[in-house]
Structure formats: C-alpha cells, structure tokens
Amino acid sequence: MMNSWLTDHASTAMAFQVFGWLLAGALLGSLYFLTLRWNVRILVSGRALLPFGLQLIRFAVVAAALTIVARSFGALPLLAAALGLLVARTVVLRWEMQP
C-alpha cells in the first residue's frame, strides 16, 4: 500500500516538473516569436544589419537556454521545454494572423 502512494507521489511530482518545463519553454518561445515581429519591422524599415544581428542574438539565447536545460536537467525537461516553445510558436502566429 505504501509503495503505491510513493509511486503516485513520484508521478505527480514528475507531472508538475514536466508542466513547469513546458511553461518555461512557452515563455521562452513567446519572447522569441514576439521579438520576431519587432525584428521584421526593423528589417522592413530598410536597415538590414541590425535585424541580422538581433536574429543571431535571439537564436543564441534560445540555443543556450535549451543547451543548459539538456545538460543540467536531462532529456525529459528538454523535450517539455521544446514542446512549450512550439506551442508558443503556434499561439503567437495565430494571434498575429488575426485581422
């Protein structure tokens, strides 16, 4: 009986951790894709070098964050954070496409 409680408790704790990483990835993805709009506006204004540099910085921040998650916490948190990033992409793009 006690073993079942420990298993349930561990499963619940893991679910909360996965949800936390999903949320962290969604936050990172939201920032990444919302700043993409800003980057495109700068590019359209005629300045080409600044948006290129900003894009490199944005990409480096996401790559560094996901690398830290993978090295420090493992595969499951990395997958959850990456999924959160993809969910944020979908939400931000649908939000931006609304008339």
C-alpha atoms as a PDB file:
ATOM      1  CA  MET A   1       0.000   0.000   0.000  1.00  0.00           C
ATOM      2  CA  MET A   2       2.765   2.443   0.882  1.00  0.00           C
ATOM      3  CA  ASN A   3       4.627   1.628  -2.318  1.00  0.00           C
ATOM      4  CA  SER A   4       1.576   2.674  -4.333  1.00  0.00           C
ATOM      5  CA  TRP A   5       1.452   6.036  -2.541  1.00  0.00           C
ATOM      6  CA  LEU A   6       5.139   6.649  -3.282  1.00  0.00           C
ATOM      7  CA  THR A   7       4.619   5.782  -6.923  1.00  0.00           C
ATOM      8  CA  ASP A   8       1.614   8.100  -7.165  1.00  0.00           C
ATOM      9  CA  HIS A   9       3.529  10.870  -5.407  1.00  0.00           C
ATOM     10  CA  ALA A  10       6.525  10.461  -7.738  1.00  0.00           C
ATOM     11  CA  SER A  11       4.265  10.505 -10.789  1.00  0.00           C
ATOM     12  CA  THR A  12       2.534  13.659  -9.594  1.00  0.00           C
ATOM     13  CA  ALA A  13       5.857  15.340  -8.873  1.00  0.00           C
ATOM     14  CA  MET A  14       7.143  14.408 -12.322  1.00  0.00           C
ATOM     15  CA  ALA A  15       3.978  15.738 -13.952  1.00  0.00           C
ATOM     16  CA  PHE A  16       4.422  19.074 -12.150  1.00  0.00           C
ATOM     17  CA  GLN A  17       8.063  19.234 -13.241  1.00  0.00           C
ATOM     18  CA  VAL A  18       7.164  18.495 -16.854  1.00  0.00           C
ATOM     19  CA  PHE A  19       4.450  21.144 -16.728  1.00  0.00           C
ATOM     20  CA  GLY A  20       6.966  23.624 -15.311  1.00  0.00           C
ATOM     21  CA  TRP A  21       9.400  22.948 -18.147  1.00  0.00           C
ATOM     22  CA  LEU A  22       6.574  23.192 -20.664  1.00  0.00           C
ATOM     23  CA  LEU A  23       5.658  26.571 -19.203  1.00  0.00           C
ATOM     24  CA  ALA A  24       9.290  27.731 -19.220  1.00  0.00           C
ATOM     25  CA  GLY A  25       9.613  26.716 -22.875  1.00  0.00           C
ATOM     26  CA  ALA A  26       6.377  28.512 -23.716  1.00  0.00           C
ATOM     27  CA  LEU A  27       7.647  31.671 -22.049  1.00  0.00           C
ATOM     28  CA  LEU A  28      10.947  31.461 -23.915  1.00  0.00           C
ATOM     29  CA  GLY A  29       9.130  30.770 -27.180  1.00  0.00           C
ATOM     30  CA  SER A  30       6.708  33.642 -26.628  1.00  0.00           C
ATOM     31  CA  LEU A  31       9.566  36.061 -26.109  1.00  0.00           C
ATOM     32  CA  TYR A  32      11.386  34.675 -29.136  1.00  0.00           C
ATOM     33  CA  PHE A  33       8.441  34.896 -31.517  1.00  0.00           C
ATOM     34  CA  LEU A  34       7.104  38.217 -30.229  1.00  0.00           C
ATOM     35  CA  THR A  35      10.531  39.788 -30.753  1.00  0.00           C
ATOM     36  CA  LEU A  36      10.461  38.374 -34.279  1.00  0.00           C
ATOM     37  CA  ARG A  37       7.724  40.909 -35.084  1.00  0.00           C
ATOM     38  CA  TRP A  38       9.965  43.693 -33.821  1.00  0.00           C
ATOM     39  CA  ASN A  39      12.857  42.293 -35.847  1.00  0.00           C
ATOM     40  CA  VAL A  40      10.789  42.212 -39.036  1.00  0.00           C
ATOM     41  CA  ARG A  41       9.644  45.812 -38.535  1.00  0.00           C
ATOM     42  CA  ILE A  42      13.259  46.932 -38.301  1.00  0.00           C
ATOM     43  CA  LEU A  43      14.119  44.949 -41.426  1.00  0.00           C
ATOM     44  CA  VAL A  44      11.199  46.449 -43.380  1.00  0.00           C
ATOM     45  CA  SER A  45      12.301  49.941 -42.374  1.00  0.00           C
ATOM     46  CA  GLY A  46      15.372  49.448 -44.573  1.00  0.00           C
ATOM     47  CA  ARG A  47      18.044  48.594 -42.028  1.00  0.00           C
ATOM     48  CA  ALA A  48      19.488  45.189 -42.824  1.00  0.00           C
ATOM     49  CA  LEU A  49      22.435  44.737 -40.479  1.00  0.00           C
ATOM     50  CA  LEU A  50      20.670  45.359 -37.160  1.00  0.00           C
ATOM     51  CA  PRO A  51      17.893  42.760 -37.716  1.00  0.00           C
ATOM     52  CA  PHE A  52      20.500  40.206 -38.731  1.00  0.00           C
ATOM     53  CA  GLY A  53      22.436  40.794 -35.507  1.00  0.00           C
ATOM     54  CA  LEU A  54      19.264  40.700 -33.418  1.00  0.00           C
ATOM     55  CA  GLN A  55      18.246  37.434 -35.073  1.00  0.00           C
ATOM     56  CA  LEU A  56      21.599  35.904 -34.185  1.00  0.00           C
ATOM     57  CA  ILE A  57      21.209  37.055 -30.573  1.00  0.00           C
ATOM     58  CA  ARG A  58      17.649  35.696 -30.365  1.00  0.00           C
ATOM     59  CA  PHE A  59      18.743  32.357 -31.792  1.00  0.00           C
ATOM     60  CA  ALA A  60      21.776  32.174 -29.483  1.00  0.00           C
ATOM     61  CA  VAL A  61      19.630  32.826 -26.397  1.00  0.00           C
ATOM     62  CA  VAL A  62      17.210  30.016 -27.287  1.00  0.00           C
ATOM     63  CA  ALA A  63      20.041  27.634 -28.180  1.00  0.00           C
ATOM     64  CA  ALA A  64      21.873  28.431 -24.934  1.00  0.00           C
ATOM     65  CA  ALA A  65      18.729  28.015 -22.836  1.00  0.00           C
ATOM     66  CA  LEU A  66      17.888  24.636 -24.378  1.00  0.00           C
ATOM     67  CA  THR A  67      21.501  23.500 -24.050  1.00  0.00           C
ATOM     68  CA  ILE A  68      21.532  24.404 -20.360  1.00  0.00           C
ATOM     69  CA  VAL A  69      18.269  22.543 -19.824  1.00  0.00           C
ATOM     70  CA  ALA A  70      19.609  19.467 -21.617  1.00  0.00           C
ATOM     71  CA  ARG A  71      22.956  19.392 -19.815  1.00  0.00           C
ATOM     72  CA  SER A  72      21.667  20.271 -16.358  1.00  0.00           C
ATOM     73  CA  PHE A  73      18.301  18.545 -16.219  1.00  0.00           C
ATOM     74  CA  GLY A  74      18.154  15.875 -18.926  1.00  0.00           C
ATOM     75  CA  ALA A  75      16.097  14.746 -21.856  1.00  0.00           C
ATOM     76  CA  LEU A  76      12.564  14.935 -20.447  1.00  0.00           C
ATOM     77  CA  PRO A  77      12.838  18.596 -19.386  1.00  0.00           C
ATOM     78  CA  LEU A  78      14.444  19.391 -22.755  1.00  0.00           C
ATOM     79  CA  LEU A  79      11.574  17.756 -24.626  1.00  0.00           C
ATOM     80  CA  ALA A  80       8.989  19.543 -22.477  1.00  0.00           C
ATOM     81  CA  ALA A  81      10.695  22.925 -22.958  1.00  0.00           C
ATOM     82  CA  ALA A  82      10.968  22.360 -26.721  1.00  0.00           C
ATOM     83  CA  LEU A  83       7.299  21.412 -26.862  1.00  0.00           C
ATOM     84  CA  GLY A  84       6.444  24.587 -24.940  1.00  0.00           C
ATOM     85  CA  LEU A  85       8.449  26.581 -27.473  1.00  0.00           C
ATOM     86  CA  LEU A  86       6.481  25.005 -30.335  1.00  0.00           C
ATOM     87  CA  VAL A  87       3.163  25.648 -28.582  1.00  0.00           C
ATOM     88  CA  ALA A  88       4.153  29.295 -28.123  1.00  0.00           C
ATOM     89  CA  ARG A  89       5.021  29.499 -31.818  1.00  0.00           C
ATOM     90  CA  THR A  90       1.578  28.290 -32.779  1.00  0.00           C
ATOM     91  CA  VAL A  91      -0.184  30.638 -30.352  1.00  0.00           C
ATOM     92  CA  VAL A  92       1.840  33.714 -31.319  1.00  0.00           C
ATOM     93  CA  LEU A  93       1.495  33.084 -35.055  1.00  0.00           C
ATOM     94  CA  ARG A  94      -2.272  32.592 -34.792  1.00  0.00           C
ATOM     95  CA  TRP A  95      -2.532  35.719 -32.656  1.00  0.00           C
ATOM     96  CA  GLU A  96      -0.524  37.741 -35.179  1.00  0.00           C
ATOM     97  CA  MET A  97      -2.515  36.440 -38.137  1.00  0.00           C
ATOM     98  CA  GLN A  98      -5.841  37.641 -36.760  1.00  0.00           C
ATOM     99  CA  PRO A  99      -7.274  40.565 -38.764  1.00  0.00           C
END
